[in-house]
Amino acid sequence: MRGVVWIVDGEHWPRAMLRAELIERGHEAVGFVLLCDALERLGRGPEPDPDVIVLELRGQRVTQEEADRLARSGVALIVLAGAVELNDPVIPRLKGSEILRRPVSIGEVADRIERRLALL
């Protein structure tokens, strides 16, 4: 199944590599540096909204409002995090998200995305 995936990661190369992997697998992939930029575009076209959002928490400061907006959006969410980020009190508000603990490879993330897309 071809899907639309938004990747939110403050680091250029991991974002670019995951985007390239997803494009190779036949998906549409769009990258964002900050979560607020992705949320600003959500529901405002002209491009289609994502089927899945991948959110790398390293370097992101997710506000309560952003977490609530993600939860209300209904978009499948895959969160990439380490122990430090998982202790953030906002993270439990990311309801319905699937959490992948670092270290995780680009291939593992892409496989997980494809499994999520298959469920939609």
PDB file of N, CA and C in Angstrom:
ATOM      1  N   MET A   1       0.838  -1.187   0.000  1.00  0.00           N
ATOM      2  CA  MET A   1       0.000   0.000   0.000  1.00  0.00           C
ATOM      3  C   MET A   1       0.876   1.241   0.000  1.00  0.00           C
ATOM      4  N   ARG A   2       0.620   2.113  -0.924  1.00  0.00           N
ATOM      5  CA  ARG A   2       1.346   3.379  -0.996  1.00  0.00           C
ATOM      6  C   ARG A   2       0.749   4.328   0.039  1.00  0.00           C
ATOM      7  N   GLY A   3       1.599   5.022   0.767  1.00  0.00           N
ATOM      8  CA  GLY A   3       1.116   5.919   1.800  1.00  0.00           C
ATOM      9  C   GLY A   3       1.840   7.249   1.792  1.00  0.00           C
ATOM     10  N   VAL A   4       1.274   8.186   2.525  1.00  0.00           N
ATOM     11  CA  VAL A   4       1.880   9.499   2.704  1.00  0.00           C
ATOM     12  C   VAL A   4       2.428   9.548   4.129  1.00  0.00           C
ATOM     13  N   VAL A   5       3.721   9.801   4.238  1.00  0.00           N
ATOM     14  CA  VAL A   5       4.398   9.805   5.538  1.00  0.00           C
ATOM     15  C   VAL A   5       5.085  11.143   5.731  1.00  0.00           C
ATOM     16  N   TRP A   6       4.844  11.749   6.897  1.00  0.00           N
ATOM     17  CA  TRP A   6       5.556  12.960   7.277  1.00  0.00           C
ATOM     18  C   TRP A   6       6.582  12.578   8.322  1.00  0.00           C
ATOM     19  N   ILE A   7       7.804  13.063   8.127  1.00  0.00           N
ATOM     20  CA  ILE A   7       8.912  12.772   9.032  1.00  0.00           C
ATOM     21  C   ILE A   7       9.313  14.075   9.718  1.00  0.00           C
ATOM     22  N   VAL A   8       9.250  14.092  11.043  1.00  0.00           N
ATOM     23  CA  VAL A   8       9.639  15.270  11.816  1.00  0.00           C
ATOM     24  C   VAL A   8      10.912  14.914  12.573  1.00  0.00           C
ATOM     25  N   ASP A   9      12.010  15.524  12.166  1.00  0.00           N
ATOM     26  CA  ASP A   9      13.308  15.250  12.782  1.00  0.00           C
ATOM     27  C   ASP A   9      14.176  16.479  12.591  1.00  0.00           C
ATOM     28  N   GLY A  10      14.717  16.990  13.673  1.00  0.00           N
ATOM     29  CA  GLY A  10      15.564  18.174  13.624  1.00  0.00           C
ATOM     30  C   GLY A  10      16.917  17.945  12.984  1.00  0.00           C
ATOM     31  N   GLU A  11      17.298  16.696  12.818  1.00  0.00           N
ATOM     32  CA  GLU A  11      18.590  16.385  12.209  1.00  0.00           C
ATOM     33  C   GLU A  11      18.389  16.041  10.738  1.00  0.00           C
ATOM     34  N   HIS A  12      19.146  16.721   9.893  1.00  0.00           N
ATOM     35  CA  HIS A  12      18.973  16.589   8.445  1.00  0.00           C
ATOM     36  C   HIS A  12      19.199  15.167   7.923  1.00  0.00           C
ATOM     37  N   TRP A  13      20.338  14.572   8.224  1.00  0.00           N
ATOM     38  CA  TRP A  13      20.679  13.297   7.589  1.00  0.00           C
ATOM     39  C   TRP A  13      19.762  12.147   7.983  1.00  0.00           C
ATOM     40  N   PRO A  14      19.417  11.954   9.235  1.00  0.00           N
ATOM     41  CA  PRO A  14      18.462  10.878   9.529  1.00  0.00           C
ATOM     42  C   PRO A  14      17.110  11.093   8.838  1.00  0.00           C
ATOM     43  N   ARG A  15      16.655  12.338   8.810  1.00  0.00           N
ATOM     44  CA  ARG A  15      15.387  12.661   8.139  1.00  0.00           C
ATOM     45  C   ARG A  15      15.498  12.354   6.645  1.00  0.00           C
ATOM     46  N   ALA A  16      16.588  12.771   6.025  1.00  0.00           N
ATOM     47  CA  ALA A  16      16.788  12.562   4.585  1.00  0.00           C
ATOM     48  C   ALA A  16      16.918  11.076   4.253  1.00  0.00           C
ATOM     49  N   MET A  17      17.619  10.325   5.103  1.00  0.00           N
ATOM     50  CA  MET A  17      17.793   8.889   4.828  1.00  0.00           C
ATOM     51  C   MET A  17      16.476   8.130   4.944  1.00  0.00           C
ATOM     52  N   LEU A  18      15.673   8.449   5.962  1.00  0.00           N
ATOM     53  CA  LEU A  18      14.377   7.781   6.093  1.00  0.00           C
ATOM     54  C   LEU A  18      13.470   8.178   4.937  1.00  0.00           C
ATOM     55  N   ARG A  19      13.502   9.420   4.571  1.00  0.00           N
ATOM     56  CA  ARG A  19      12.696   9.886   3.430  1.00  0.00           C
ATOM     57  C   ARG A  19      13.087   9.139   2.151  1.00  0.00           C
ATOM     58  N   ALA A  20      14.397   9.013   1.899  1.00  0.00           N
ATOM     59  CA  ALA A  20      14.871   8.303   0.711  1.00  0.00           C
ATOM     60  C   ALA A  20      14.441   6.836   0.737  1.00  0.00           C
ATOM     61  N   GLU A  21      14.532   6.199   1.896  1.00  0.00           N
ATOM     62  CA  GLU A  21      14.128   4.789   2.027  1.00  0.00           C
ATOM     63  C   GLU A  21      12.645   4.618   1.709  1.00  0.00           C
ATOM     64  N   LEU A  22      11.826   5.522   2.224  1.00  0.00           N
ATOM     65  CA  LEU A  22      10.384   5.433   1.980  1.00  0.00           C
ATOM     66  C   LEU A  22      10.038   5.694   0.522  1.00  0.00           C
ATOM     67  N   ILE A  23      10.712   6.643  -0.095  1.00  0.00           N
ATOM     68  CA  ILE A  23      10.492   6.909  -1.515  1.00  0.00           C
ATOM     69  C   ILE A  23      10.876   5.687  -2.339  1.00  0.00           C
ATOM     70  N   GLU A  24      11.989   5.058  -1.992  1.00  0.00           N
ATOM     71  CA  GLU A  24      12.413   3.828  -2.681  1.00  0.00           C
ATOM     72  C   GLU A  24      11.357   2.730  -2.569  1.00  0.00           C
ATOM     73  N   ARG A  25      10.643   2.712  -1.459  1.00  0.00           N
ATOM     74  CA  ARG A  25       9.600   1.701  -1.233  1.00  0.00           C
ATOM     75  C   ARG A  25       8.256   2.101  -1.832  1.00  0.00           C
ATOM     76  N   GLY A  26       8.220   3.244  -2.498  1.00  0.00           N
ATOM     77  CA  GLY A  26       7.020   3.649  -3.211  1.00  0.00           C
ATOM     78  C   GLY A  26       6.070   4.554  -2.462  1.00  0.00           C
ATOM     79  N   HIS A  27       6.511   5.115  -1.355  1.00  0.00           N
ATOM     80  CA  HIS A  27       5.658   5.993  -0.564  1.00  0.00           C
ATOM     81  C   HIS A  27       6.004   7.452  -0.836  1.00  0.00           C
ATOM     82  N   GLU A  28       5.067   8.322  -0.524  1.00  0.00           N
ATOM     83  CA  GLU A  28       5.334   9.754  -0.574  1.00  0.00           C
ATOM     84  C   GLU A  28       5.828  10.153   0.810  1.00  0.00           C
ATOM     85  N   ALA A  29       6.963  10.800   0.886  1.00  0.00           N
ATOM     86  CA  ALA A  29       7.544  11.177   2.170  1.00  0.00           C
ATOM     87  C   ALA A  29       7.920  12.649   2.163  1.00  0.00           C
ATOM     88  N   VAL A  30       7.508  13.342   3.223  1.00  0.00           N
ATOM     89  CA  VAL A  30       7.766  14.773   3.359  1.00  0.00           C
ATOM     90  C   VAL A  30       8.478  14.980   4.685  1.00  0.00           C
ATOM     91  N   GLY A  31       9.520  15.798   4.677  1.00  0.00           N
ATOM     92  CA  GLY A  31      10.286  16.039   5.892  1.00  0.00           C
ATOM     93  C   GLY A  31      10.018  17.409   6.493  1.00  0.00           C
ATOM     94  N   PHE A  32      10.053  17.446   7.831  1.00  0.00           N
ATOM     95  CA  PHE A  32       9.906  18.691   8.590  1.00  0.00           C
ATOM     96  C   PHE A  32      10.976  18.719   9.668  1.00  0.00           C
ATOM     97  N   VAL A  33      11.502  19.894   9.954  1.00  0.00           N
ATOM     98  CA  VAL A  33      12.483  20.050  11.018  1.00  0.00           C
ATOM     99  C   VAL A  33      11.793  20.111  12.376  1.00  0.00           C
ATOM    100  N   LEU A  34      10.681  20.860  12.443  1.00  0.00           N
ATOM    101  CA  LEU A  34       9.977  21.065  13.708  1.00  0.00           C
ATOM    102  C   LEU A  34       8.542  20.561  13.635  1.00  0.00           C
ATOM    103  N   LEU A  35       8.062  20.044  14.743  1.00  0.00           N
ATOM    104  CA  LEU A  35       6.690  19.562  14.819  1.00  0.00           C
ATOM    105  C   LEU A  35       5.693  20.687  14.546  1.00  0.00           C
ATOM    106  N   CYS A  36       5.972  21.878  15.040  1.00  0.00           N
ATOM    107  CA  CYS A  36       5.034  22.994  14.826  1.00  0.00           C
ATOM    108  C   CYS A  36       4.835  23.277  13.343  1.00  0.00           C
ATOM    109  N   ASP A  37       5.876  23.081  12.519  1.00  0.00           N
ATOM    110  CA  ASP A  37       5.747  23.295  11.074  1.00  0.00           C
ATOM    111  C   ASP A  37       4.823  22.257  10.445  1.00  0.00           C
ATOM    112  N   ALA A  38       4.956  21.016  10.872  1.00  0.00           N
ATOM    113  CA  ALA A  38       4.085  19.955  10.351  1.00  0.00           C
ATOM    114  C   ALA A  38       2.641  20.196  10.779  1.00  0.00           C
ATOM    115  N   LEU A  39       2.446  20.552  12.033  1.00  0.00           N
ATOM    116  CA  LEU A  39       1.091  20.780  12.529  1.00  0.00           C
ATOM    117  C   LEU A  39       0.432  21.974  11.845  1.00  0.00           C
ATOM    118  N   GLU A  40       1.231  22.974  11.503  1.00  0.00           N
ATOM    119  CA  GLU A  40       0.693  24.141  10.808  1.00  0.00           C
ATOM    120  C   GLU A  40       0.136  23.746   9.440  1.00  0.00           C
ATOM    121  N   ARG A  41       0.750  22.773   8.819  1.00  0.00           N
ATOM    122  CA  ARG A  41       0.345  22.342   7.473  1.00  0.00           C
ATOM    123  C   ARG A  41      -0.758  21.280   7.498  1.00  0.00           C
ATOM    124  N   LEU A  42      -0.935  20.636   8.631  1.00  0.00           N
ATOM    125  CA  LEU A  42      -1.923  19.563   8.760  1.00  0.00           C
ATOM    126  C   LEU A  42      -3.328  20.098   8.510  1.00  0.00           C
ATOM    127  N   GLY A  43      -4.026  19.493   7.569  1.00  0.00           N
ATOM    128  CA  GLY A  43      -5.388  19.885   7.258  1.00  0.00           C
ATOM    129  C   GLY A  43      -5.530  21.133   6.409  1.00  0.00           C
ATOM    130  N   ARG A  44      -4.410  21.639   5.916  1.00  0.00           N
ATOM    131  CA  ARG A  44      -4.465  22.888   5.149  1.00  0.00           C
ATOM    132  C   ARG A  44      -4.022  22.731   3.709  1.00  0.00           C
ATOM    133  N   GLY A  45      -3.851  21.469   3.228  1.00  0.00           N
ATOM    134  CA  GLY A  45      -3.521  21.186   1.832  1.00  0.00           C
ATOM    135  C   GLY A  45      -2.593  22.196   1.203  1.00  0.00           C
ATOM    136  N   PRO A  46      -2.372  22.200  -0.063  1.00  0.00           N
ATOM    137  CA  PRO A  46      -3.051  21.429  -1.091  1.00  0.00           C
ATOM    138  C   PRO A  46      -2.596  19.977  -1.158  1.00  0.00           C
ATOM    139  N   GLU A  47      -1.466  19.653  -0.560  1.00  0.00           N
ATOM    140  CA  GLU A  47      -1.008  18.271  -0.547  1.00  0.00           C
ATOM    141  C   GLU A  47      -1.871  17.466   0.424  1.00  0.00           C
ATOM    142  N   PRO A  48      -1.912  16.149   0.213  1.00  0.00           N
ATOM    143  CA  PRO A  48      -2.720  15.326   1.120  1.00  0.00           C
ATOM    144  C   PRO A  48      -2.119  15.274   2.525  1.00  0.00           C
ATOM    145  N   ASP A  49      -2.990  15.128   3.511  1.00  0.00           N
ATOM    146  CA  ASP A  49      -2.521  14.926   4.889  1.00  0.00           C
ATOM    147  C   ASP A  49      -1.844  13.562   4.981  1.00  0.00           C
ATOM    148  N   PRO A  50      -1.011  13.380   5.984  1.00  0.00           N
ATOM    149  CA  PRO A  50      -0.277  12.120   6.095  1.00  0.00           C
ATOM    150  C   PRO A  50      -1.158  10.975   6.599  1.00  0.00           C
ATOM    151  N   ASP A  51      -0.747   9.782   6.234  1.00  0.00           N
ATOM    152  CA  ASP A  51      -1.328   8.570   6.819  1.00  0.00           C
ATOM    153  C   ASP A  51      -0.600   8.260   8.121  1.00  0.00           C
ATOM    154  N   VAL A  52       0.698   8.577   8.130  1.00  0.00           N
ATOM    155  CA  VAL A  52       1.562   8.321   9.291  1.00  0.00           C
ATOM    156  C   VAL A  52       2.474   9.528   9.493  1.00  0.00           C
ATOM    157  N   ILE A  53       2.674   9.897  10.752  1.00  0.00           N
ATOM    158  CA  ILE A  53       3.693  10.888  11.114  1.00  0.00           C
ATOM    159  C   ILE A  53       4.743  10.170  11.946  1.00  0.00           C
ATOM    160  N   VAL A  54       6.003  10.339  11.567  1.00  0.00           N
ATOM    161  CA  VAL A  54       7.125   9.825  12.350  1.00  0.00           C
ATOM    162  C   VAL A  54       7.721  11.021  13.077  1.00  0.00           C
ATOM    163  N   LEU A  55       7.764  10.950  14.390  1.00  0.00           N
ATOM    164  CA  LEU A  55       8.248  12.057  15.211  1.00  0.00           C
ATOM    165  C   LEU A  55       9.470  11.622  15.995  1.00  0.00           C
ATOM    166  N   GLU A  56      10.624  12.155  15.622  1.00  0.00           N
ATOM    167  CA  GLU A  56      11.863  11.932  16.375  1.00  0.00           C
ATOM    168  C   GLU A  56      11.883  12.970  17.490  1.00  0.00           C
ATOM    169  N   LEU A  57      11.875  12.517  18.725  1.00  0.00           N
ATOM    170  CA  LEU A  57      11.798  13.433  19.863  1.00  0.00           C
ATOM    171  C   LEU A  57      13.110  14.123  20.206  1.00  0.00           C
ATOM    172  N   ARG A  58      14.223  13.568  19.768  1.00  0.00           N
ATOM    173  CA  ARG A  58      15.512  14.198  20.073  1.00  0.00           C
ATOM    174  C   ARG A  58      15.524  15.610  19.490  1.00  0.00           C
ATOM    175  N   GLY A  59      15.690  16.598  20.347  1.00  0.00           N
ATOM    176  CA  GLY A  59      15.753  17.979  19.906  1.00  0.00           C
ATOM    177  C   GLY A  59      14.397  18.652  19.740  1.00  0.00           C
ATOM    178  N   GLN A  60      13.312  17.927  19.960  1.00  0.00           N
ATOM    179  CA  GLN A  60      11.967  18.513  19.847  1.00  0.00           C
ATOM    180  C   GLN A  60      11.443  18.832  21.238  1.00  0.00           C
ATOM    181  N   ARG A  61      10.758  19.896  21.356  1.00  0.00           N
ATOM    182  CA  ARG A  61      10.049  20.239  22.601  1.00  0.00           C
ATOM    183  C   ARG A  61       8.566  20.203  22.283  1.00  0.00           C
ATOM    184  N   VAL A  62       7.949  19.081  22.607  1.00  0.00           N
ATOM    185  CA  VAL A  62       6.534  18.893  22.305  1.00  0.00           C
ATOM    186  C   VAL A  62       5.717  19.540  23.416  1.00  0.00           C
ATOM    187  N   THR A  63       4.888  20.499  23.044  1.00  0.00           N
ATOM    188  CA  THR A  63       4.044  21.165  24.029  1.00  0.00           C
ATOM    189  C   THR A  63       2.781  20.345  24.260  1.00  0.00           C
ATOM    190  N   GLN A  64       2.098  20.661  25.336  1.00  0.00           N
ATOM    191  CA  GLN A  64       0.829  20.004  25.640  1.00  0.00           C
ATOM    192  C   GLN A  64      -0.165  20.223  24.502  1.00  0.00           C
ATOM    193  N   GLU A  65      -0.215  21.431  23.981  1.00  0.00           N
ATOM    194  CA  GLU A  65      -1.118  21.764  22.880  1.00  0.00           C
ATOM    195  C   GLU A  65      -0.803  20.940  21.631  1.00  0.00           C
ATOM    196  N   GLU A  66       0.489  20.790  21.310  1.00  0.00           N
ATOM    197  CA  GLU A  66       0.883  20.000  20.141  1.00  0.00           C
ATOM    198  C   GLU A  66       0.527  18.534  20.327  1.00  0.00           C
ATOM    199  N   ALA A  67       0.761  18.007  21.523  1.00  0.00           N
ATOM    200  CA  ALA A  67       0.409  16.603  21.800  1.00  0.00           C
ATOM    201  C   ALA A  67      -1.088  16.391  21.654  1.00  0.00           C
ATOM    202  N   ASP A  68      -1.871  17.317  22.165  1.00  0.00           N
ATOM    203  CA  ASP A  68      -3.330  17.213  22.053  1.00  0.00           C
ATOM    204  C   ASP A  68      -3.770  17.288  20.597  1.00  0.00           C
ATOM    205  N   ARG A  69      -3.163  18.172  19.849  1.00  0.00           N
ATOM    206  CA  ARG A  69      -3.528  18.308  18.428  1.00  0.00           C
ATOM    207  C   ARG A  69      -3.194  17.041  17.650  1.00  0.00           C
ATOM    208  N   LEU A  70      -2.039  16.451  17.937  1.00  0.00           N
ATOM    209  CA  LEU A  70      -1.683  15.183  17.289  1.00  0.00           C
ATOM    210  C   LEU A  70      -2.696  14.105  17.634  1.00  0.00           C
ATOM    211  N   ALA A  71      -3.064  14.019  18.889  1.00  0.00           N
ATOM    212  CA  ALA A  71      -4.022  12.999  19.325  1.00  0.00           C
ATOM    213  C   ALA A  71      -5.377  13.197  18.636  1.00  0.00           C
ATOM    214  N   ARG A  72      -5.818  14.426  18.490  1.00  0.00           N
ATOM    215  CA  ARG A  72      -7.110  14.716  17.851  1.00  0.00           C
ATOM    216  C   ARG A  72      -7.085  14.513  16.341  1.00  0.00           C
ATOM    217  N   SER A  73      -5.910  14.575  15.743  1.00  0.00           N
ATOM    218  CA  SER A  73      -5.808  14.507  14.278  1.00  0.00           C
ATOM    219  C   SER A  73      -6.221  13.153  13.723  1.00  0.00           C
ATOM    220  N   GLY A  74      -6.048  12.105  14.513  1.00  0.00           N
ATOM    221  CA  GLY A  74      -6.370  10.766  14.036  1.00  0.00           C
ATOM    222  C   GLY A  74      -5.308  10.158  13.142  1.00  0.00           C
ATOM    223  N   VAL A  75      -4.204  10.867  12.925  1.00  0.00           N
ATOM    224  CA  VAL A  75      -3.115  10.362  12.099  1.00  0.00           C
ATOM    225  C   VAL A  75      -2.300   9.373  12.916  1.00  0.00           C
ATOM    226  N   ALA A  76      -1.935   8.232  12.311  1.00  0.00           N
ATOM    227  CA  ALA A  76      -1.083   7.262  12.993  1.00  0.00           C
ATOM    228  C   ALA A  76       0.253   7.924  13.304  1.00  0.00           C
ATOM    229  N   LEU A  77       0.746   7.703  14.516  1.00  0.00           N
ATOM    230  CA  LEU A  77       1.967   8.360  14.974  1.00  0.00           C
ATOM    231  C   LEU A  77       2.977   7.318  15.436  1.00  0.00           C
ATOM    232  N   ILE A  78       4.185   7.438  14.910  1.00  0.00           N
ATOM    233  CA  ILE A  78       5.302   6.609  15.350  1.00  0.00           C
ATOM    234  C   ILE A  78       6.324   7.556  15.960  1.00  0.00           C
ATOM    235  N   VAL A  79       6.658   7.319  17.220  1.00  0.00           N
ATOM    236  CA  VAL A  79       7.572   8.182  17.967  1.00  0.00           C
ATOM    237  C   VAL A  79       8.906   7.466  18.128  1.00  0.00           C
ATOM    238  N   LEU A  80       9.991   8.168  17.819  1.00  0.00           N
ATOM    239  CA  LEU A  80      11.344   7.655  18.026  1.00  0.00           C
ATOM    240  C   LEU A  80      11.918   8.384  19.227  1.00  0.00           C
ATOM    241  N   ALA A  81      12.363   7.624  20.222  1.00  0.00           N
ATOM    242  CA  ALA A  81      12.811   8.267  21.458  1.00  0.00           C
ATOM    243  C   ALA A  81      13.835   7.421  22.183  1.00  0.00           C
ATOM    244  N   GLY A  82      14.594   8.105  23.030  1.00  0.00           N
ATOM    245  CA  GLY A  82      15.506   7.455  23.950  1.00  0.00           C
ATOM    246  C   GLY A  82      14.970   7.615  25.360  1.00  0.00           C
ATOM    247  N   ALA A  83      15.722   7.136  26.330  1.00  0.00           N
ATOM    248  CA  ALA A  83      15.269   7.157  27.722  1.00  0.00           C
ATOM    249  C   ALA A  83      14.986   8.575  28.211  1.00  0.00           C
ATOM    250  N   VAL A  84      15.809   9.519  27.839  1.00  0.00           N
ATOM    251  CA  VAL A  84      15.619  10.895  28.309  1.00  0.00           C
ATOM    252  C   VAL A  84      14.290  11.453  27.814  1.00  0.00           C
ATOM    253  N   GLU A  85      14.015  11.300  26.518  1.00  0.00           N
ATOM    254  CA  GLU A  85      12.777  11.838  25.951  1.00  0.00           C
ATOM    255  C   GLU A  85      11.537  11.125  26.498  1.00  0.00           C
ATOM    256  N   LEU A  86      11.663   9.850  26.786  1.00  0.00           N
ATOM    257  CA  LEU A  86      10.509   9.094  27.284  1.00  0.00           C
ATOM    258  C   LEU A  86      10.089   9.519  28.687  1.00  0.00           C
ATOM    259  N   ASN A  87      10.962  10.219  29.399  1.00  0.00           N
ATOM    260  CA  ASN A  87      10.622  10.728  30.729  1.00  0.00           C
ATOM    261  C   ASN A  87       9.886  12.059  30.687  1.00  0.00           C
ATOM    262  N   ASP A  88       9.724  12.634  29.509  1.00  0.00           N
ATOM    263  CA  ASP A  88       9.003  13.898  29.381  1.00  0.00           C
ATOM    264  C   ASP A  88       7.533  13.666  29.723  1.00  0.00           C
ATOM    265  N   PRO A  89       6.946  14.455  30.613  1.00  0.00           N
ATOM    266  CA  PRO A  89       5.556  14.237  31.027  1.00  0.00           C
ATOM    267  C   PRO A  89       4.530  14.435  29.908  1.00  0.00           C
ATOM    268  N   VAL A  90       4.914  15.066  28.819  1.00  0.00           N
ATOM    269  CA  VAL A  90       3.978  15.268  27.712  1.00  0.00           C
ATOM    270  C   VAL A  90       3.811  13.989  26.887  1.00  0.00           C
ATOM    271  N   ILE A  91       4.803  13.130  26.886  1.00  0.00           N
ATOM    272  CA  ILE A  91       4.795  11.955  26.013  1.00  0.00           C
ATOM    273  C   ILE A  91       3.581  11.053  26.226  1.00  0.00           C
ATOM    274  N   PRO A  92       3.128  10.792  27.451  1.00  0.00           N
ATOM    275  CA  PRO A  92       1.916   9.973  27.593  1.00  0.00           C
ATOM    276  C   PRO A  92       0.685  10.583  26.921  1.00  0.00           C
ATOM    277  N   ARG A  93       0.707  11.874  26.642  1.00  0.00           N
ATOM    278  CA  ARG A  93      -0.427  12.525  25.973  1.00  0.00           C
ATOM    279  C   ARG A  93      -0.473  12.196  24.483  1.00  0.00           C
ATOM    280  N   LEU A  94       0.574  11.594  23.966  1.00  0.00           N
ATOM    281  CA  LEU A  94       0.598  11.210  22.550  1.00  0.00           C
ATOM    282  C   LEU A  94      -0.156   9.890  22.394  1.00  0.00           C
ATOM    283  N   LYS A  95      -1.445   9.949  22.630  1.00  0.00           N
ATOM    284  CA  LYS A  95      -2.296   8.767  22.640  1.00  0.00           C
ATOM    285  C   LYS A  95      -2.280   8.062  21.288  1.00  0.00           C
ATOM    286  N   GLY A  96      -2.269   6.756  21.350  1.00  0.00           N
ATOM    287  CA  GLY A  96      -2.312   5.965  20.129  1.00  0.00           C
ATOM    288  C   GLY A  96      -1.005   5.890  19.388  1.00  0.00           C
ATOM    289  N   SER A  97       0.034   6.482  19.952  1.00  0.00           N
ATOM    290  CA  SER A  97       1.314   6.450  19.251  1.00  0.00           C
ATOM    291  C   SER A  97       2.027   5.132  19.515  1.00  0.00           C
ATOM    292  N   GLU A  98       2.851   4.795  18.572  1.00  0.00           N
ATOM    293  CA  GLU A  98       3.702   3.628  18.688  1.00  0.00           C
ATOM    294  C   GLU A  98       5.110   4.160  18.971  1.00  0.00           C
ATOM    295  N   ILE A  99       5.745   3.653  20.003  1.00  0.00           N
ATOM    296  CA  ILE A  99       7.049   4.179  20.396  1.00  0.00           C
ATOM    297  C   ILE A  99       8.140   3.187  20.038  1.00  0.00           C
ATOM    298  N   LEU A 100       9.134   3.677  19.318  1.00  0.00           N
ATOM    299  CA  LEU A 100      10.327   2.892  19.005  1.00  0.00           C
ATOM    300  C   LEU A 100      11.482   3.514  19.785  1.00  0.00           C
ATOM    301  N   ARG A 101      12.130   2.679  20.584  1.00  0.00           N
ATOM    302  CA  ARG A 101      13.260   3.171  21.382  1.00  0.00           C
ATOM    303  C   ARG A 101      14.541   3.108  20.578  1.00  0.00           C
ATOM    304  N   ARG A 102      15.294   4.200  20.644  1.00  0.00           N
ATOM    305  CA  ARG A 102      16.610   4.219  20.021  1.00  0.00           C
ATOM    306  C   ARG A 102      17.553   3.315  20.803  1.00  0.00           C
ATOM    307  N   PRO A 103      18.525   2.690  20.176  1.00  0.00           N
ATOM    308  CA  PRO A 103      18.859   2.794  18.759  1.00  0.00           C
ATOM    309  C   PRO A 103      17.934   1.922  17.894  1.00  0.00           C
ATOM    310  N   VAL A 104      17.614   2.465  16.739  1.00  0.00           N
ATOM    311  CA  VAL A 104      16.774   1.770  15.769  1.00  0.00           C
ATOM    312  C   VAL A 104      17.282   2.169  14.383  1.00  0.00           C
ATOM    313  N   SER A 105      17.293   1.210  13.474  1.00  0.00           N
ATOM    314  CA  SER A 105      17.824   1.495  12.134  1.00  0.00           C
ATOM    315  C   SER A 105      16.749   2.120  11.247  1.00  0.00           C
ATOM    316  N   ILE A 106      17.195   2.755  10.179  1.00  0.00           N
ATOM    317  CA  ILE A 106      16.279   3.339   9.197  1.00  0.00           C
ATOM    318  C   ILE A 106      15.376   2.244   8.621  1.00  0.00           C
ATOM    319  N   GLY A 107      15.942   1.089   8.336  1.00  0.00           N
ATOM    320  CA  GLY A 107      15.162  -0.026   7.799  1.00  0.00           C
ATOM    321  C   GLY A 107      14.087  -0.496   8.769  1.00  0.00           C
ATOM    322  N   GLU A 108      14.418  -0.545  10.057  1.00  0.00           N
ATOM    323  CA  GLU A 108      13.425  -0.951  11.060  1.00  0.00           C
ATOM    324  C   GLU A 108      12.283   0.051  11.144  1.00  0.00           C
ATOM    325  N   VAL A 109      12.606   1.329  11.069  1.00  0.00           N
ATOM    326  CA  VAL A 109      11.567   2.365  11.111  1.00  0.00           C
ATOM    327  C   VAL A 109      10.685   2.247   9.864  1.00  0.00           C
ATOM    328  N   ALA A 110      11.300   2.086   8.693  1.00  0.00           N
ATOM    329  CA  ALA A 110      10.534   1.954   7.451  1.00  0.00           C
ATOM    330  C   ALA A 110       9.632   0.716   7.487  1.00  0.00           C
ATOM    331  N   ASP A 111      10.140  -0.384   8.014  1.00  0.00           N
ATOM    332  CA  ASP A 111       9.316  -1.600   8.138  1.00  0.00           C
ATOM    333  C   ASP A 111       8.110  -1.348   9.040  1.00  0.00           C
ATOM    334  N   ARG A 112       8.322  -0.653  10.151  1.00  0.00           N
ATOM    335  CA  ARG A 112       7.240  -0.359  11.087  1.00  0.00           C
ATOM    336  C   ARG A 112       6.198   0.545  10.440  1.00  0.00           C
ATOM    337  N   ILE A 113       6.658   1.506   9.670  1.00  0.00           N
ATOM    338  CA  ILE A 113       5.747   2.390   8.948  1.00  0.00           C
ATOM    339  C   ILE A 113       4.884   1.578   7.983  1.00  0.00           C
ATOM    340  N   GLU A 114       5.498   0.677   7.265  1.00  0.00           N
ATOM    341  CA  GLU A 114       4.736  -0.138   6.313  1.00  0.00           C
ATOM    342  C   GLU A 114       3.726  -1.039   7.018  1.00  0.00           C
ATOM    343  N   ARG A 115       4.076  -1.542   8.178  1.00  0.00           N
ATOM    344  CA  ARG A 115       3.102  -2.344   8.948  1.00  0.00           C
ATOM    345  C   ARG A 115       1.929  -1.486   9.380  1.00  0.00           C
ATOM    346  N   ARG A 116       2.204  -0.255   9.804  1.00  0.00           N
ATOM    347  CA  ARG A 116       1.126   0.667  10.197  1.00  0.00           C
ATOM    348  C   ARG A 116       0.234   1.001   9.002  1.00  0.00           C
ATOM    349  N   LEU A 117       0.842   1.261   7.845  1.00  0.00           N
ATOM    350  CA  LEU A 117       0.073   1.572   6.645  1.00  0.00           C
ATOM    351  C   LEU A 117      -0.819   0.408   6.241  1.00  0.00           C
ATOM    352  N   ALA A 118      -0.345  -0.799   6.437  1.00  0.00           N
ATOM    353  CA  ALA A 118      -1.130  -1.983   6.076  1.00  0.00           C
ATOM    354  C   ALA A 118      -2.383  -2.109   6.928  1.00  0.00           C
ATOM    355  N   LEU A 119      -2.363  -1.531   8.129  1.00  0.00           N
ATOM    356  CA  LEU A 119      -3.504  -1.588   9.036  1.00  0.00           C
ATOM    357  C   LEU A 119      -4.557  -0.531   8.726  1.00  0.00           C
ATOM    358  N   LEU A 120      -4.194   0.453   7.930  1.00  0.00           N
ATOM    359  CA  LEU A 120      -5.127   1.563   7.630  1.00  0.00           C
ATOM    360  C   LEU A 120      -6.122   1.191   6.555  1.00  0.00           C
TER     361      LEU A 120
END
